Amino acid sequence: MGKLPPSPGFLSTDSLLGVRPAIGLLFHYTAIFVLYALFIFFLLFLLRLVVRKEWIAAIVVVLLGAGTSTGGEYPLIDFIAVAVIWLSILLILKRFGLLVLVVGLVVQNVLLVFPVTSHFSLWYANAALVGLFAIAALAVYGFHTARAGQPLFTGAALDS
């Protein structure tokens, strides 16, 4: 659009202090996003009681959420982008539920806030690995739970 690209988001300096502060920050973000998702759910519930239509309540939540991020060099583009993000948040909440929304918000924030590097000799690599290990542990637990006790490999695949 003829202007310089925006500066990237900033890392949390607490995640650079070591492994223990990084673990504490991970728990802090988890608690914050549980409350955030519950607030979205409660706001959607209240608006649904007031307007009596679910789709109107969803539109109002999207407009309220997108209206809070007015600013930047291109306000219309920012508004549309944030409205798409809020629409995806509501679709995830409606289709998959509150737990998936919380996990998605925490994972997204961990990837933004924790410094990620593939050079493990850097001084902040230990703190970066805390976030990545938390995401990997969450993925392994989700895979194990989704298998519901079924073995990963069976002899039936070899028989046919």
Protein backbone atom coordinates (compact mmCIF):
# COMPACT_ATOMS: atom_id res chain seq x y z
CA MET A 1 0.00 0.00 0.00
CA GLY A 2 3.00 2.26 -0.30
CA LYS A 3 3.99 2.40 3.36
CA LEU A 4 6.42 0.53 5.55
CA PRO A 5 5.19 -2.75 7.02
CA PRO A 6 4.11 -2.61 10.66
CA SER A 7 6.61 -3.48 13.33
CA PRO A 8 6.26 -7.00 14.69
CA GLY A 9 4.59 -7.68 18.01
CA PHE A 10 6.73 -7.64 21.08
CA LEU A 11 7.80 -10.57 23.19
CA SER A 12 7.03 -10.74 26.85
CA THR A 13 10.20 -9.96 28.74
CA ASP A 14 9.13 -12.31 31.54
CA SER A 15 9.53 -15.24 29.15
CA LEU A 16 13.21 -14.35 28.76
CA LEU A 17 14.06 -14.63 32.47
CA GLY A 18 14.45 -18.40 32.52
CA VAL A 19 12.50 -21.61 32.74
CA ARG A 20 10.62 -20.98 36.01
CA PRO A 21 9.28 -17.55 35.01
CA ALA A 22 8.37 -18.99 31.61
CA ILE A 23 6.35 -21.77 33.24
CA GLY A 24 4.67 -19.20 35.46
CA LEU A 25 3.88 -17.07 32.43
CA LEU A 26 2.41 -20.11 30.71
CA PHE A 27 0.06 -20.72 33.65
CA HIS A 28 -0.76 -17.01 33.77
CA TYR A 29 -1.77 -16.94 30.11
CA THR A 30 -3.83 -20.09 30.57
CA ALA A 31 -5.80 -18.50 33.41
CA ILE A 32 -6.23 -15.24 31.49
CA PHE A 33 -7.55 -16.98 28.37
CA VAL A 34 -9.92 -19.17 30.37
CA LEU A 35 -11.46 -15.99 31.74
CA TYR A 36 -11.38 -14.38 28.28
CA ALA A 37 -13.21 -17.31 26.67
CA LEU A 38 -15.75 -17.40 29.50
CA PHE A 39 -16.35 -13.66 29.05
CA ILE A 40 -16.99 -14.16 25.32
CA PHE A 41 -19.35 -17.02 26.10
CA PHE A 42 -21.19 -14.97 28.74
CA LEU A 43 -21.46 -11.95 26.43
CA LEU A 44 -22.88 -14.14 23.68
CA PHE A 45 -25.32 -15.66 26.16
CA LEU A 46 -26.53 -12.26 27.40
CA LEU A 47 -26.92 -10.88 23.91
CA ARG A 48 -28.84 -13.96 22.87
CA LEU A 49 -31.26 -13.37 25.76
CA VAL A 50 -31.72 -9.74 24.76
CA VAL A 51 -32.13 -10.07 20.98
CA ARG A 52 -33.64 -13.60 20.99
CA LYS A 53 -31.80 -14.60 17.80
CA GLU A 54 -28.46 -16.36 17.87
CA TRP A 55 -27.17 -14.96 14.59
CA ILE A 56 -27.98 -11.37 15.59
CA ALA A 57 -26.16 -11.87 18.89
CA ALA A 58 -23.15 -13.25 17.01
CA ILE A 59 -23.11 -10.24 14.66
CA VAL A 60 -23.25 -7.87 17.65
CA VAL A 61 -20.36 -9.69 19.36
CA VAL A 62 -18.28 -9.56 16.16
CA LEU A 63 -19.00 -5.84 15.73
CA LEU A 64 -18.19 -5.12 19.40
CA GLY A 65 -14.97 -7.11 19.22
CA ALA A 66 -13.87 -5.59 15.93
CA GLY A 67 -14.81 -2.11 17.09
CA THR A 68 -12.38 -2.31 20.00
CA SER A 69 -9.36 -2.42 17.70
CA THR A 70 -9.72 0.86 15.92
CA GLY A 71 -6.37 2.28 15.11
CA GLY A 72 -3.47 1.72 12.87
CA GLU A 73 -2.75 3.19 9.49
CA TYR A 74 -5.61 1.44 7.69
CA PRO A 75 -8.62 1.39 10.04
CA LEU A 76 -11.01 -0.24 7.56
CA ILE A 77 -8.62 -3.08 6.74
CA ASP A 78 -7.85 -3.53 10.45
CA PHE A 79 -11.57 -3.59 11.25
CA ILE A 80 -12.25 -6.25 8.60
CA ALA A 81 -9.30 -8.39 9.70
CA VAL A 82 -10.30 -8.23 13.37
CA ALA A 83 -13.93 -8.96 12.43
CA VAL A 84 -12.77 -12.12 10.62
CA ILE A 85 -10.77 -13.13 13.72
CA TRP A 86 -13.81 -12.57 15.97
CA LEU A 87 -15.99 -14.50 13.55
CA SER A 88 -13.56 -17.41 13.69
CA ILE A 89 -13.56 -17.23 17.51
CA LEU A 90 -17.36 -17.46 17.56
CA LEU A 91 -17.38 -20.28 15.01
CA ILE A 92 -14.87 -22.27 17.08
CA LEU A 93 -16.92 -21.62 20.21
CA LYS A 94 -20.15 -22.70 18.52
CA ARG A 95 -18.80 -25.72 16.65
CA PHE A 96 -16.17 -27.16 18.97
CA GLY A 97 -16.82 -25.65 22.39
CA LEU A 98 -15.19 -23.67 25.14
CA LEU A 99 -12.24 -25.97 25.80
CA VAL A 100 -11.06 -25.90 22.20
CA LEU A 101 -11.32 -22.12 22.16
CA VAL A 102 -9.22 -21.82 25.32
CA VAL A 103 -6.59 -24.23 24.00
CA GLY A 104 -6.45 -22.41 20.67
CA LEU A 105 -6.08 -19.00 22.30
CA VAL A 106 -3.35 -20.22 24.67
CA VAL A 107 -1.39 -21.93 21.89
CA GLN A 108 -1.67 -18.87 19.66
CA ASN A 109 -0.47 -16.59 22.44
CA VAL A 110 2.39 -18.88 23.45
CA LEU A 111 3.62 -18.89 19.86
CA LEU A 112 3.48 -15.08 19.79
CA VAL A 113 4.95 -14.29 23.21
CA PHE A 114 7.63 -16.93 23.73
CA PRO A 115 10.83 -16.50 21.69
CA VAL A 116 11.17 -19.42 19.30
CA THR A 117 14.59 -20.38 18.02
CA SER A 118 16.25 -23.41 16.48
CA HIS A 119 19.65 -22.36 17.81
CA PHE A 120 19.66 -24.07 21.20
CA SER A 121 22.90 -22.52 22.43
CA LEU A 122 21.33 -19.06 22.67
CA TRP A 123 20.68 -17.72 26.16
CA TYR A 124 16.90 -17.61 25.72
CA ALA A 125 16.52 -21.07 24.17
CA ASN A 126 15.49 -22.74 27.45
CA ALA A 127 12.59 -20.36 27.91
CA ALA A 128 11.58 -20.84 24.27
CA LEU A 129 11.50 -24.59 24.73
CA VAL A 130 9.05 -24.28 27.63
CA GLY A 131 6.35 -22.97 25.31
CA LEU A 132 7.11 -25.49 22.59
CA PHE A 133 7.14 -28.41 25.04
CA ALA A 134 3.83 -27.27 26.49
CA ILE A 135 2.26 -27.21 23.03
CA ALA A 136 3.78 -30.61 22.17
CA ALA A 137 2.56 -32.12 25.47
CA LEU A 138 -0.91 -30.75 24.80
CA ALA A 139 -0.88 -32.27 21.30
CA VAL A 140 0.32 -35.68 22.56
CA TYR A 141 -2.32 -35.70 25.30
CA GLY A 142 -5.02 -34.73 22.82
CA PHE A 143 -3.94 -37.48 20.43
CA HIS A 144 -3.88 -40.06 23.22
CA THR A 145 -7.32 -38.99 24.43
CA ALA A 146 -8.74 -39.02 20.91
CA ARG A 147 -7.53 -42.60 20.42
CA ALA A 148 -9.77 -43.61 23.38
CA GLY A 149 -7.66 -46.57 24.39
CA GLN A 150 -7.40 -48.01 20.88
CA PRO A 151 -3.96 -49.32 19.93
CA LEU A 152 -2.08 -47.26 17.40
CA PHE A 153 -1.07 -50.23 15.26
CA THR A 154 -3.12 -53.42 14.94
CA GLY A 155 -2.46 -56.74 13.30
CA ALA A 156 -5.57 -56.34 11.13
CA ALA A 157 -3.71 -53.94 8.84
CA LEU A 158 -1.04 -56.58 8.20
CA ASP A 159 -3.53 -59.38 7.51
CA SER A 160 -5.18 -57.72 4.52
